[in-house]
Amino acid sequence: MPLWAAAPEITGQARAIDGDTLEIAGIRIRLGGIDAPERSETCKDALGRAWRCGDWATEQARKLISGQVLTCLDLGQRSFERVVGRCYLNGRDLAVLLIESGAARPCLRFARVQGQEYAYLRAEAVARGARAGIYGGPLNSLAGFCETASPPREVVALSAPSPDCAIKGNVSTNGRIFHMPGQRDYDRVTMRNPETRWFCSEAEARAAGWRAALR
C-alpha cells in the first residue's frame, strides 16, 4: 500500500523550524520529498557571492505559513523523531510552494516513493526559469539521503514561469534555437521536450548556447 494511503491527518496552526521542518501542536513534521538548505548553510549567487541561503529558506517558510492552518498527512515514516509528512496550505502542497519559491529542492529518492516526483520536478522547472532563491546561482549538493540510483526524469514547465521569462528555447534537428513571443514559430514550440528551456532575455539564451530564430 502506498505510504500516503489512509494517512492520519495533523491539522492546526504551524510554525516553521527551518525550510523543510515545521511544528503543529508540539508535533514536528519533516516535509517529505524535498530538501532545504540547513540553517547555517551558505550558497553562492550568479556572481559568486556568498549569501545565507539557509536563513533565507527558513524565513520563506515562515512567511508562507505564518498564522495559517495547515493539514498534514502522516506518511508513516520518522526522521530524527519527526513525523515525515505532506502538508497542504489552502489546498496546495506546501512542498511545491517552497520549491517554486526557490527555498527547497526535490529529494527524488523519497518523492518517487511518495508519488510526488513529477509535481516536484515541475515546481523545480518553474523555480529554475525564474532563477528563484537558491536557483539564482550554482546549487549546493543535496543531502546524501536524497541520492537515487537512477537519474531524475526531467520535467519542464509548459507555460512561462513569468511574463518576463517568455522566450522559448527549443531543441530540434536544427540545433538549439530560441523564439521570441510574436515570431512565426513561437506557438509551435510546445515546451514538452525535456531539453527545452525558458529564458528571460536574449542575452541569457545566447549565453546558454541557443541562437535566435530567423523568423
N, C-alpha and C. Protein backbone atom coordinates (compact mmCIF):
# COMPACT_ATOMS: atom_id res chain seq x y z
N MET A 1 0.85 -1.19 0.00
CA MET A 1 0.00 0.00 0.00
C MET A 1 0.88 1.24 0.00
N PRO A 2 0.59 2.26 -0.81
CA PRO A 2 1.41 3.46 -0.84
C PRO A 2 1.49 4.12 0.53
N LEU A 3 2.59 4.80 0.78
CA LEU A 3 2.79 5.45 2.08
C LEU A 3 1.70 6.46 2.38
N TRP A 4 1.15 7.11 1.31
CA TRP A 4 0.20 8.19 1.55
C TRP A 4 -1.24 7.71 1.67
N ALA A 5 -1.49 6.42 1.50
CA ALA A 5 -2.85 5.90 1.57
C ALA A 5 -3.34 5.87 3.02
N ALA A 6 -4.56 6.35 3.24
CA ALA A 6 -5.21 6.32 4.55
C ALA A 6 -4.32 6.90 5.65
N ALA A 7 -3.57 7.94 5.30
CA ALA A 7 -2.67 8.54 6.29
C ALA A 7 -3.44 9.40 7.27
N PRO A 8 -3.11 9.32 8.58
CA PRO A 8 -3.78 10.16 9.56
C PRO A 8 -3.43 11.63 9.35
N GLU A 9 -4.36 12.51 9.68
CA GLU A 9 -4.15 13.93 9.48
C GLU A 9 -3.69 14.63 10.75
N ILE A 10 -2.88 15.65 10.57
CA ILE A 10 -2.48 16.55 11.66
C ILE A 10 -2.84 17.94 11.18
N THR A 11 -3.74 18.61 11.88
CA THR A 11 -4.24 19.92 11.45
C THR A 11 -4.07 20.96 12.54
N GLY A 12 -3.67 22.16 12.12
CA GLY A 12 -3.55 23.25 13.07
C GLY A 12 -2.64 24.35 12.57
N GLN A 13 -2.49 25.39 13.37
CA GLN A 13 -1.57 26.47 13.01
C GLN A 13 -0.15 25.96 13.15
N ALA A 14 0.67 26.31 12.18
CA ALA A 14 2.04 25.79 12.14
C ALA A 14 3.06 26.90 12.31
N ARG A 15 4.23 26.51 12.77
CA ARG A 15 5.38 27.44 12.77
C ARG A 15 6.54 26.72 12.12
N ALA A 16 7.33 27.45 11.35
CA ALA A 16 8.46 26.88 10.64
C ALA A 16 9.67 26.77 11.56
N ILE A 17 10.29 25.61 11.58
CA ILE A 17 11.55 25.41 12.30
C ILE A 17 12.72 25.74 11.38
N ASP A 18 12.62 25.26 10.14
CA ASP A 18 13.59 25.62 9.09
C ASP A 18 12.87 25.46 7.76
N GLY A 19 13.63 25.39 6.67
CA GLY A 19 13.00 25.37 5.36
C GLY A 19 12.19 24.14 5.02
N ASP A 20 12.41 23.03 5.72
CA ASP A 20 11.64 21.81 5.43
C ASP A 20 11.09 21.12 6.67
N THR A 21 11.08 21.82 7.79
CA THR A 21 10.54 21.26 9.03
C THR A 21 9.62 22.28 9.68
N LEU A 22 8.47 21.81 10.15
CA LEU A 22 7.53 22.69 10.84
C LEU A 22 6.97 21.98 12.06
N GLU A 23 6.20 22.72 12.84
CA GLU A 23 5.63 22.16 14.07
C GLU A 23 4.18 22.56 14.18
N ILE A 24 3.33 21.59 14.51
CA ILE A 24 1.92 21.82 14.76
C ILE A 24 1.56 21.17 16.08
N ALA A 25 1.08 21.96 17.02
CA ALA A 25 0.64 21.45 18.33
C ALA A 25 1.70 20.55 18.97
N GLY A 26 2.94 20.96 18.90
CA GLY A 26 4.01 20.20 19.53
C GLY A 26 4.54 19.04 18.72
N ILE A 27 3.96 18.79 17.56
CA ILE A 27 4.42 17.70 16.69
C ILE A 27 5.30 18.27 15.60
N ARG A 28 6.53 17.79 15.52
CA ARG A 28 7.44 18.26 14.48
C ARG A 28 7.27 17.40 13.23
N ILE A 29 7.16 18.08 12.10
CA ILE A 29 6.89 17.41 10.84
C ILE A 29 7.98 17.75 9.83
N ARG A 30 8.62 16.72 9.32
CA ARG A 30 9.63 16.88 8.26
C ARG A 30 8.91 16.69 6.93
N LEU A 31 8.89 17.73 6.09
CA LEU A 31 8.21 17.63 4.81
C LEU A 31 8.90 16.59 3.93
N GLY A 32 8.15 15.61 3.47
CA GLY A 32 8.72 14.53 2.69
C GLY A 32 9.01 14.93 1.26
N GLY A 33 10.06 14.36 0.68
CA GLY A 33 10.33 14.53 -0.74
C GLY A 33 11.04 15.80 -1.14
N ILE A 34 11.48 16.63 -0.16
CA ILE A 34 12.21 17.85 -0.51
C ILE A 34 13.42 17.98 0.42
N ASP A 35 14.31 18.88 0.03
CA ASP A 35 15.50 19.16 0.83
C ASP A 35 15.77 20.66 0.78
N ALA A 36 15.73 21.32 1.92
CA ALA A 36 16.02 22.75 2.02
C ALA A 36 17.40 22.95 2.62
N PRO A 37 18.05 24.08 2.36
CA PRO A 37 19.36 24.33 2.97
C PRO A 37 19.29 24.31 4.49
N GLU A 38 20.34 23.82 5.12
CA GLU A 38 20.42 23.86 6.58
C GLU A 38 20.48 25.32 7.05
N ARG A 39 20.06 25.57 8.28
CA ARG A 39 20.00 26.94 8.78
C ARG A 39 21.34 27.66 8.64
N SER A 40 22.44 26.94 8.85
CA SER A 40 23.76 27.57 8.82
C SER A 40 24.39 27.57 7.43
N GLU A 41 23.66 27.05 6.45
CA GLU A 41 24.25 26.86 5.12
C GLU A 41 24.33 28.17 4.34
N THR A 42 25.38 28.32 3.55
CA THR A 42 25.51 29.45 2.64
C THR A 42 25.50 28.94 1.20
N CYS A 43 25.05 29.79 0.29
CA CYS A 43 25.03 29.48 -1.13
C CYS A 43 25.77 30.60 -1.86
N LYS A 44 25.92 30.44 -3.16
CA LYS A 44 26.51 31.49 -3.98
C LYS A 44 25.50 31.96 -5.01
N ASP A 45 25.51 33.29 -5.25
CA ASP A 45 24.61 33.83 -6.27
C ASP A 45 25.27 33.74 -7.64
N ALA A 46 24.62 34.32 -8.65
CA ALA A 46 25.11 34.22 -10.02
C ALA A 46 26.48 34.87 -10.20
N LEU A 47 26.85 35.79 -9.30
CA LEU A 47 28.14 36.48 -9.37
C LEU A 47 29.19 35.85 -8.47
N GLY A 48 28.82 34.71 -7.84
CA GLY A 48 29.77 34.02 -6.99
C GLY A 48 29.85 34.56 -5.57
N ARG A 49 28.93 35.43 -5.20
CA ARG A 49 28.93 35.99 -3.85
C ARG A 49 28.16 35.09 -2.89
N ALA A 50 28.71 34.89 -1.70
CA ALA A 50 28.07 34.03 -0.70
C ALA A 50 26.88 34.75 -0.06
N TRP A 51 25.82 33.98 0.20
CA TRP A 51 24.67 34.53 0.94
C TRP A 51 24.09 33.43 1.82
N ARG A 52 23.41 33.85 2.88
CA ARG A 52 22.93 32.90 3.89
C ARG A 52 21.59 32.29 3.44
N CYS A 53 21.71 31.31 2.52
CA CYS A 53 20.51 30.71 1.95
C CYS A 53 19.71 29.90 2.96
N GLY A 54 20.38 29.34 3.98
CA GLY A 54 19.66 28.56 4.99
C GLY A 54 18.72 29.43 5.81
N ASP A 55 19.21 30.58 6.26
CA ASP A 55 18.36 31.51 7.00
C ASP A 55 17.24 32.03 6.11
N TRP A 56 17.58 32.30 4.84
CA TRP A 56 16.57 32.82 3.90
C TRP A 56 15.48 31.80 3.66
N ALA A 57 15.84 30.53 3.48
CA ALA A 57 14.84 29.48 3.25
C ALA A 57 13.91 29.35 4.45
N THR A 58 14.47 29.45 5.64
CA THR A 58 13.65 29.39 6.86
C THR A 58 12.66 30.55 6.89
N GLU A 59 13.14 31.73 6.53
CA GLU A 59 12.26 32.90 6.53
C GLU A 59 11.17 32.77 5.48
N GLN A 60 11.50 32.20 4.33
CA GLN A 60 10.48 31.99 3.30
C GLN A 60 9.39 31.05 3.80
N ALA A 61 9.79 29.98 4.49
CA ALA A 61 8.81 29.05 5.05
C ALA A 61 7.94 29.75 6.08
N ARG A 62 8.55 30.59 6.90
CA ARG A 62 7.78 31.31 7.92
C ARG A 62 6.77 32.25 7.29
N LYS A 63 7.16 32.93 6.23
CA LYS A 63 6.24 33.84 5.55
C LYS A 63 5.07 33.08 4.96
N LEU A 64 5.33 31.91 4.42
CA LEU A 64 4.26 31.13 3.80
C LEU A 64 3.23 30.65 4.81
N ILE A 65 3.67 30.20 5.97
CA ILE A 65 2.75 29.54 6.90
C ILE A 65 2.37 30.38 8.11
N SER A 66 2.91 31.59 8.23
CA SER A 66 2.62 32.41 9.40
C SER A 66 1.12 32.61 9.59
N GLY A 67 0.60 32.17 10.73
CA GLY A 67 -0.81 32.35 11.06
C GLY A 67 -1.76 31.47 10.27
N GLN A 68 -1.22 30.58 9.45
CA GLN A 68 -2.07 29.74 8.59
C GLN A 68 -2.33 28.38 9.24
N VAL A 69 -3.50 27.82 8.93
CA VAL A 69 -3.84 26.47 9.36
C VAL A 69 -3.46 25.49 8.26
N LEU A 70 -2.64 24.52 8.59
CA LEU A 70 -2.22 23.51 7.63
C LEU A 70 -2.87 22.18 7.95
N THR A 71 -3.05 21.39 6.91
CA THR A 71 -3.47 20.00 7.07
C THR A 71 -2.34 19.13 6.57
N CYS A 72 -1.80 18.28 7.44
CA CYS A 72 -0.65 17.45 7.09
C CYS A 72 -1.01 15.97 7.17
N LEU A 73 -0.50 15.21 6.23
CA LEU A 73 -0.70 13.77 6.21
C LEU A 73 0.55 13.09 6.74
N ASP A 74 0.38 12.21 7.72
CA ASP A 74 1.49 11.41 8.24
C ASP A 74 1.77 10.30 7.22
N LEU A 75 2.97 10.34 6.61
CA LEU A 75 3.30 9.37 5.57
C LEU A 75 3.84 8.06 6.12
N GLY A 76 3.86 7.93 7.44
CA GLY A 76 4.22 6.65 8.04
C GLY A 76 5.69 6.44 8.29
N GLN A 77 6.51 7.47 8.06
CA GLN A 77 7.93 7.37 8.33
C GLN A 77 8.34 8.34 9.42
N ARG A 78 9.53 8.13 9.98
CA ARG A 78 10.06 9.02 11.00
C ARG A 78 11.48 9.40 10.65
N SER A 79 11.84 10.64 10.96
CA SER A 79 13.19 11.15 10.69
C SER A 79 13.65 11.95 11.90
N PHE A 80 14.58 11.37 12.68
CA PHE A 80 15.08 12.05 13.88
C PHE A 80 13.92 12.51 14.77
N GLU A 81 13.01 11.59 15.06
CA GLU A 81 11.86 11.79 15.93
C GLU A 81 10.85 12.79 15.36
N ARG A 82 10.94 13.05 14.06
CA ARG A 82 9.96 13.90 13.39
C ARG A 82 9.04 13.05 12.53
N VAL A 83 7.78 13.42 12.47
CA VAL A 83 6.85 12.80 11.53
C VAL A 83 7.23 13.23 10.13
N VAL A 84 7.33 12.30 9.20
CA VAL A 84 7.52 12.65 7.78
C VAL A 84 6.13 12.82 7.18
N GLY A 85 5.86 14.01 6.68
CA GLY A 85 4.50 14.27 6.21
C GLY A 85 4.44 15.12 4.97
N ARG A 86 3.24 15.22 4.42
CA ARG A 86 2.95 16.13 3.31
C ARG A 86 1.90 17.10 3.83
N CYS A 87 2.17 18.40 3.71
CA CYS A 87 1.29 19.41 4.29
C CYS A 87 0.66 20.27 3.20
N TYR A 88 -0.57 20.66 3.44
CA TYR A 88 -1.32 21.45 2.47
C TYR A 88 -1.72 22.79 3.06
N LEU A 89 -1.49 23.84 2.26
CA LEU A 89 -1.87 25.20 2.62
C LEU A 89 -2.91 25.66 1.61
N ASN A 90 -4.13 25.86 2.06
CA ASN A 90 -5.23 26.26 1.17
C ASN A 90 -5.34 25.32 -0.03
N GLY A 91 -5.14 24.03 0.24
CA GLY A 91 -5.30 23.02 -0.80
C GLY A 91 -4.08 22.77 -1.66
N ARG A 92 -3.00 23.52 -1.45
CA ARG A 92 -1.78 23.33 -2.24
C ARG A 92 -0.70 22.68 -1.40
N ASP A 93 0.04 21.80 -2.03
CA ASP A 93 1.14 21.11 -1.36
C ASP A 93 2.20 22.15 -0.97
N LEU A 94 2.48 22.26 0.32
CA LEU A 94 3.45 23.23 0.80
C LEU A 94 4.82 23.00 0.18
N ALA A 95 5.19 21.76 -0.05
CA ALA A 95 6.48 21.45 -0.65
C ALA A 95 6.60 22.07 -2.04
N VAL A 96 5.52 22.03 -2.81
CA VAL A 96 5.53 22.65 -4.14
C VAL A 96 5.76 24.15 -4.02
N LEU A 97 5.09 24.79 -3.07
CA LEU A 97 5.25 26.24 -2.88
C LEU A 97 6.68 26.59 -2.49
N LEU A 98 7.29 25.77 -1.65
CA LEU A 98 8.67 26.02 -1.23
C LEU A 98 9.65 25.83 -2.38
N ILE A 99 9.43 24.81 -3.19
CA ILE A 99 10.31 24.60 -4.34
C ILE A 99 10.16 25.75 -5.33
N GLU A 100 8.93 26.13 -5.65
CA GLU A 100 8.70 27.21 -6.62
C GLU A 100 9.32 28.52 -6.16
N SER A 101 9.36 28.75 -4.85
CA SER A 101 9.94 29.99 -4.32
C SER A 101 11.46 29.94 -4.27
N GLY A 102 12.04 28.75 -4.55
CA GLY A 102 13.49 28.60 -4.50
C GLY A 102 14.03 28.36 -3.11
N ALA A 103 13.17 27.94 -2.19
CA ALA A 103 13.61 27.69 -0.82
C ALA A 103 13.96 26.23 -0.57
N ALA A 104 13.63 25.34 -1.51
CA ALA A 104 13.89 23.91 -1.33
C ALA A 104 14.04 23.26 -2.70
N ARG A 105 14.54 22.03 -2.70
CA ARG A 105 14.73 21.26 -3.92
C ARG A 105 14.05 19.90 -3.78
N PRO A 106 13.69 19.27 -4.89
CA PRO A 106 13.13 17.92 -4.79
C PRO A 106 14.18 16.94 -4.27
N CYS A 107 13.76 16.05 -3.40
CA CYS A 107 14.58 14.95 -2.90
C CYS A 107 13.98 13.69 -3.54
N LEU A 108 14.46 13.37 -4.74
CA LEU A 108 13.75 12.43 -5.60
C LEU A 108 13.68 11.02 -5.05
N ARG A 109 14.66 10.63 -4.26
CA ARG A 109 14.64 9.28 -3.70
C ARG A 109 13.33 9.03 -2.95
N PHE A 110 12.86 10.04 -2.22
CA PHE A 110 11.63 9.89 -1.44
C PHE A 110 10.41 10.43 -2.18
N ALA A 111 10.59 11.45 -3.00
CA ALA A 111 9.46 11.99 -3.76
C ALA A 111 8.86 10.92 -4.66
N ARG A 112 9.71 10.06 -5.22
CA ARG A 112 9.21 8.98 -6.08
C ARG A 112 8.35 8.00 -5.28
N VAL A 113 8.86 7.58 -4.13
CA VAL A 113 8.13 6.63 -3.29
C VAL A 113 6.79 7.22 -2.86
N GLN A 114 6.78 8.53 -2.63
CA GLN A 114 5.58 9.19 -2.12
C GLN A 114 4.65 9.67 -3.24
N GLY A 115 5.00 9.36 -4.49
CA GLY A 115 4.13 9.70 -5.61
C GLY A 115 4.15 11.15 -6.03
N GLN A 116 5.20 11.90 -5.65
CA GLN A 116 5.23 13.33 -5.93
C GLN A 116 6.36 13.74 -6.87
N GLU A 117 7.04 12.79 -7.48
CA GLU A 117 8.21 13.12 -8.30
C GLU A 117 7.89 14.16 -9.38
N TYR A 118 6.86 13.92 -10.17
CA TYR A 118 6.58 14.83 -11.28
C TYR A 118 6.11 16.19 -10.78
N ALA A 119 5.29 16.22 -9.75
CA ALA A 119 4.83 17.50 -9.20
C ALA A 119 6.00 18.34 -8.73
N TYR A 120 6.98 17.70 -8.07
CA TYR A 120 8.11 18.45 -7.54
C TYR A 120 9.09 18.85 -8.63
N LEU A 121 9.24 18.02 -9.66
CA LEU A 121 10.10 18.40 -10.78
C LEU A 121 9.48 19.54 -11.59
N ARG A 122 8.17 19.55 -11.72
CA ARG A 122 7.51 20.67 -12.40
C ARG A 122 7.72 21.96 -11.61
N ALA A 123 7.60 21.87 -10.28
CA ALA A 123 7.83 23.05 -9.45
C ALA A 123 9.27 23.53 -9.58
N GLU A 124 10.20 22.58 -9.69
CA GLU A 124 11.61 22.96 -9.84
C GLU A 124 11.84 23.65 -11.18
N ALA A 125 11.15 23.20 -12.24
CA ALA A 125 11.29 23.86 -13.54
C ALA A 125 10.84 25.31 -13.46
N VAL A 126 9.80 25.58 -12.71
CA VAL A 126 9.33 26.96 -12.50
C VAL A 126 10.40 27.78 -11.79
N ALA A 127 10.97 27.21 -10.72
CA ALA A 127 12.00 27.93 -9.95
C ALA A 127 13.24 28.18 -10.79
N ARG A 128 13.62 27.20 -11.58
CA ARG A 128 14.80 27.39 -12.45
C ARG A 128 14.55 28.51 -13.46
N GLY A 129 13.37 28.49 -14.06
CA GLY A 129 13.05 29.51 -15.06
C GLY A 129 13.06 30.91 -14.49
N ALA A 130 12.62 31.04 -13.23
CA ALA A 130 12.57 32.35 -12.58
C ALA A 130 13.84 32.69 -11.83
N ARG A 131 14.78 31.73 -11.79
CA ARG A 131 16.02 31.90 -11.00
C ARG A 131 15.69 32.31 -9.56
N ALA A 132 14.72 31.63 -9.01
CA ALA A 132 14.23 31.97 -7.67
C ALA A 132 15.15 31.41 -6.59
N GLY A 133 15.41 32.20 -5.57
CA GLY A 133 16.14 31.73 -4.39
C GLY A 133 17.43 31.03 -4.71
N ILE A 134 17.56 29.79 -4.26
CA ILE A 134 18.79 29.03 -4.45
C ILE A 134 19.07 28.71 -5.91
N TYR A 135 18.06 28.85 -6.78
CA TYR A 135 18.25 28.59 -8.21
C TYR A 135 18.84 29.80 -8.94
N GLY A 136 19.15 30.86 -8.20
CA GLY A 136 19.75 32.04 -8.80
C GLY A 136 21.24 31.91 -9.01
N GLY A 137 21.84 30.84 -8.57
CA GLY A 137 23.27 30.62 -8.71
C GLY A 137 23.55 29.14 -8.73
N PRO A 138 24.82 28.74 -8.63
CA PRO A 138 25.15 27.30 -8.61
C PRO A 138 24.56 26.63 -7.38
N LEU A 139 24.01 25.44 -7.58
CA LEU A 139 23.35 24.74 -6.48
C LEU A 139 24.35 23.97 -5.64
N ASN A 140 24.13 23.98 -4.33
CA ASN A 140 24.92 23.14 -3.43
C ASN A 140 24.50 21.68 -3.61
N SER A 141 25.29 20.79 -3.09
CA SER A 141 24.94 19.37 -3.15
C SER A 141 23.71 19.09 -2.30
N LEU A 142 22.87 18.19 -2.78
CA LEU A 142 21.74 17.73 -1.98
C LEU A 142 22.24 16.91 -0.80
N ALA A 143 21.40 16.76 0.21
CA ALA A 143 21.73 15.89 1.33
C ALA A 143 21.97 14.47 0.81
N GLY A 144 22.89 13.75 1.43
CA GLY A 144 23.25 12.41 0.98
C GLY A 144 22.08 11.46 0.91
N PHE A 145 21.11 11.61 1.81
CA PHE A 145 19.97 10.68 1.81
C PHE A 145 19.05 10.89 0.61
N CYS A 146 19.25 11.97 -0.13
CA CYS A 146 18.41 12.21 -1.30
C CYS A 146 18.93 11.52 -2.54
N GLU A 147 20.14 10.98 -2.47
CA GLU A 147 20.74 10.36 -3.65
C GLU A 147 19.90 9.17 -4.10
N THR A 148 19.77 9.07 -5.42
CA THR A 148 18.97 7.99 -6.00
C THR A 148 19.80 7.27 -7.05
N ALA A 149 19.57 6.00 -7.21
CA ALA A 149 20.38 5.20 -8.12
C ALA A 149 20.15 5.56 -9.58
N SER A 150 18.94 5.98 -9.92
CA SER A 150 18.63 6.32 -11.31
C SER A 150 18.53 7.83 -11.46
N PRO A 151 18.88 8.37 -12.63
CA PRO A 151 18.86 9.82 -12.82
C PRO A 151 17.45 10.37 -12.81
N PRO A 152 17.29 11.65 -12.45
CA PRO A 152 15.95 12.24 -12.44
C PRO A 152 15.37 12.33 -13.83
N ARG A 153 14.07 12.15 -13.92
CA ARG A 153 13.38 12.32 -15.19
C ARG A 153 12.94 13.77 -15.28
N GLU A 154 13.58 14.52 -16.19
CA GLU A 154 13.35 15.95 -16.24
C GLU A 154 11.91 16.26 -16.65
N VAL A 155 11.35 17.26 -16.01
CA VAL A 155 10.02 17.74 -16.35
C VAL A 155 10.12 19.24 -16.54
N VAL A 156 9.61 19.77 -17.64
CA VAL A 156 9.71 21.19 -17.89
C VAL A 156 8.38 21.87 -17.64
N ALA A 157 8.44 23.18 -17.39
CA ALA A 157 7.21 23.96 -17.25
C ALA A 157 6.64 24.23 -18.63
N LEU A 158 5.38 23.89 -18.86
CA LEU A 158 4.78 24.05 -20.17
C LEU A 158 4.35 25.50 -20.42
N SER A 159 4.23 26.29 -19.37
CA SER A 159 3.90 27.70 -19.52
C SER A 159 5.02 28.53 -18.90
N ALA A 160 5.16 29.75 -19.36
CA ALA A 160 6.25 30.61 -18.90
C ALA A 160 6.16 30.83 -17.39
N PRO A 161 7.29 30.76 -16.68
CA PRO A 161 7.27 30.96 -15.23
C PRO A 161 6.85 32.37 -14.84
N SER A 162 7.04 33.36 -15.74
CA SER A 162 6.59 34.73 -15.51
C SER A 162 6.51 35.43 -16.85
N PRO A 163 5.74 36.52 -16.95
CA PRO A 163 5.63 37.24 -18.23
C PRO A 163 6.98 37.76 -18.74
N ASP A 164 7.92 37.97 -17.83
CA ASP A 164 9.23 38.48 -18.22
C ASP A 164 10.19 37.37 -18.66
N CYS A 165 9.76 36.12 -18.57
CA CYS A 165 10.62 34.99 -18.94
C CYS A 165 9.89 34.10 -19.94
N ALA A 166 9.48 34.71 -21.06
CA ALA A 166 8.62 34.01 -22.02
C ALA A 166 9.33 33.64 -23.32
N ILE A 167 10.65 33.70 -23.35
CA ILE A 167 11.40 33.30 -24.54
C ILE A 167 11.54 31.78 -24.53
N LYS A 168 11.16 31.14 -25.63
CA LYS A 168 11.20 29.68 -25.71
C LYS A 168 12.50 29.19 -26.33
N GLY A 169 13.23 28.37 -25.61
CA GLY A 169 14.44 27.76 -26.14
C GLY A 169 14.12 26.35 -26.62
N ASN A 170 14.09 26.16 -27.92
CA ASN A 170 13.71 24.87 -28.49
C ASN A 170 14.96 24.07 -28.88
N VAL A 171 14.82 22.74 -28.91
CA VAL A 171 15.89 21.85 -29.35
C VAL A 171 15.32 20.95 -30.44
N SER A 172 15.94 21.00 -31.62
CA SER A 172 15.47 20.19 -32.74
C SER A 172 16.66 19.76 -33.58
N THR A 173 16.38 19.16 -34.73
CA THR A 173 17.46 18.74 -35.62
C THR A 173 18.25 19.93 -36.14
N ASN A 174 17.67 21.13 -36.05
CA ASN A 174 18.35 22.34 -36.48
C ASN A 174 19.23 22.95 -35.38
N GLY A 175 19.23 22.31 -34.21
CA GLY A 175 20.05 22.80 -33.11
C GLY A 175 19.22 23.47 -32.02
N ARG A 176 19.89 24.27 -31.21
CA ARG A 176 19.25 24.99 -30.11
C ARG A 176 18.88 26.39 -30.57
N ILE A 177 17.59 26.64 -30.70
CA ILE A 177 17.09 27.90 -31.25
C ILE A 177 16.08 28.50 -30.29
N PHE A 178 16.22 29.82 -30.03
CA PHE A 178 15.22 30.45 -29.16
C PHE A 178 14.26 31.30 -30.00
N HIS A 179 13.01 31.33 -29.54
CA HIS A 179 11.93 32.01 -30.26
C HIS A 179 11.34 33.09 -29.36
N MET A 180 11.25 34.28 -29.89
CA MET A 180 10.66 35.40 -29.15
C MET A 180 9.14 35.39 -29.33
N PRO A 181 8.38 35.87 -28.32
CA PRO A 181 6.93 35.99 -28.49
C PRO A 181 6.61 36.82 -29.74
N GLY A 182 5.68 36.32 -30.54
CA GLY A 182 5.30 37.03 -31.76
C GLY A 182 5.98 36.51 -33.01
N GLN A 183 7.06 35.73 -32.86
CA GLN A 183 7.70 35.17 -34.04
C GLN A 183 6.85 34.04 -34.63
N ARG A 184 7.10 33.73 -35.90
CA ARG A 184 6.24 32.81 -36.64
C ARG A 184 6.07 31.46 -35.96
N ASP A 185 7.17 30.88 -35.48
CA ASP A 185 7.10 29.52 -34.95
C ASP A 185 6.97 29.46 -33.43
N TYR A 186 6.77 30.61 -32.82
CA TYR A 186 6.73 30.64 -31.34
C TYR A 186 5.67 29.68 -30.80
N ASP A 187 4.45 29.75 -31.33
CA ASP A 187 3.36 28.92 -30.79
C ASP A 187 3.51 27.45 -31.14
N ARG A 188 4.37 27.13 -32.12
CA ARG A 188 4.57 25.73 -32.48
C ARG A 188 5.48 25.00 -31.49
N VAL A 189 6.25 25.75 -30.73
CA VAL A 189 7.14 25.15 -29.74
C VAL A 189 6.32 24.83 -28.49
N THR A 190 6.12 23.55 -28.22
CA THR A 190 5.21 23.13 -27.14
C THR A 190 5.87 23.07 -25.77
N MET A 191 7.21 23.09 -25.70
CA MET A 191 7.96 23.00 -24.45
C MET A 191 7.79 21.64 -23.77
N ARG A 192 7.43 20.61 -24.51
CA ARG A 192 7.29 19.28 -23.93
C ARG A 192 8.59 18.47 -23.97
N ASN A 193 9.52 18.91 -24.77
CA ASN A 193 10.83 18.25 -24.82
C ASN A 193 11.59 18.58 -23.54
N PRO A 194 12.11 17.57 -22.83
CA PRO A 194 12.83 17.85 -21.57
C PRO A 194 14.02 18.79 -21.72
N GLU A 195 14.54 18.94 -22.96
CA GLU A 195 15.70 19.81 -23.17
C GLU A 195 15.31 21.26 -23.44
N THR A 196 14.03 21.54 -23.64
CA THR A 196 13.63 22.93 -23.87
C THR A 196 13.79 23.74 -22.60
N ARG A 197 13.96 25.06 -22.78
CA ARG A 197 14.15 25.94 -21.63
C ARG A 197 13.46 27.27 -21.86
N TRP A 198 13.02 27.88 -20.76
CA TRP A 198 12.51 29.24 -20.80
C TRP A 198 13.66 30.20 -20.50
N PHE A 199 13.67 31.34 -21.19
CA PHE A 199 14.69 32.35 -20.95
C PHE A 199 14.03 33.70 -20.67
N CYS A 200 14.74 34.52 -19.90
CA CYS A 200 14.22 35.84 -19.53
C CYS A 200 14.76 36.94 -20.43
N SER A 201 15.80 36.67 -21.20
CA SER A 201 16.36 37.67 -22.09
C SER A 201 17.11 36.97 -23.22
N GLU A 202 17.31 37.72 -24.33
CA GLU A 202 18.07 37.17 -25.44
C GLU A 202 19.51 36.88 -25.02
N ALA A 203 20.06 37.77 -24.18
CA ALA A 203 21.44 37.59 -23.73
C ALA A 203 21.59 36.29 -22.94
N GLU A 204 20.61 36.00 -22.11
CA GLU A 204 20.65 34.76 -21.32
C GLU A 204 20.61 33.55 -22.24
N ALA A 205 19.74 33.59 -23.25
CA ALA A 205 19.61 32.46 -24.18
C ALA A 205 20.91 32.25 -24.95
N ARG A 206 21.51 33.34 -25.43
CA ARG A 206 22.76 33.21 -26.19
C ARG A 206 23.88 32.67 -25.31
N ALA A 207 23.93 33.15 -24.07
CA ALA A 207 24.98 32.70 -23.15
C ALA A 207 24.86 31.21 -22.85
N ALA A 208 23.62 30.69 -22.92
CA ALA A 208 23.39 29.26 -22.65
C ALA A 208 23.63 28.39 -23.88
N GLY A 209 23.91 29.01 -25.01
CA GLY A 209 24.21 28.24 -26.21
C GLY A 209 23.10 28.17 -27.25
N TRP A 210 22.04 28.95 -27.07
CA TRP A 210 20.95 28.98 -28.04
C TRP A 210 21.18 30.12 -29.04
N ARG A 211 20.69 29.98 -30.28
CA ARG A 211 20.76 31.05 -31.26
C ARG A 211 19.36 31.49 -31.60
N ALA A 212 19.26 32.72 -32.12
CA ALA A 212 17.94 33.29 -32.40
C ALA A 212 17.31 32.66 -33.63
N ALA A 213 16.00 32.50 -33.58
CA ALA A 213 15.25 32.05 -34.76
C ALA A 213 15.27 33.13 -35.82
N LEU A 214 15.32 32.75 -37.09
CA LEU A 214 15.38 33.72 -38.17
C LEU A 214 14.04 34.40 -38.40
N ARG A 215 12.96 33.69 -38.06
CA ARG A 215 11.63 34.28 -38.25
C ARG A 215 10.63 33.65 -37.30
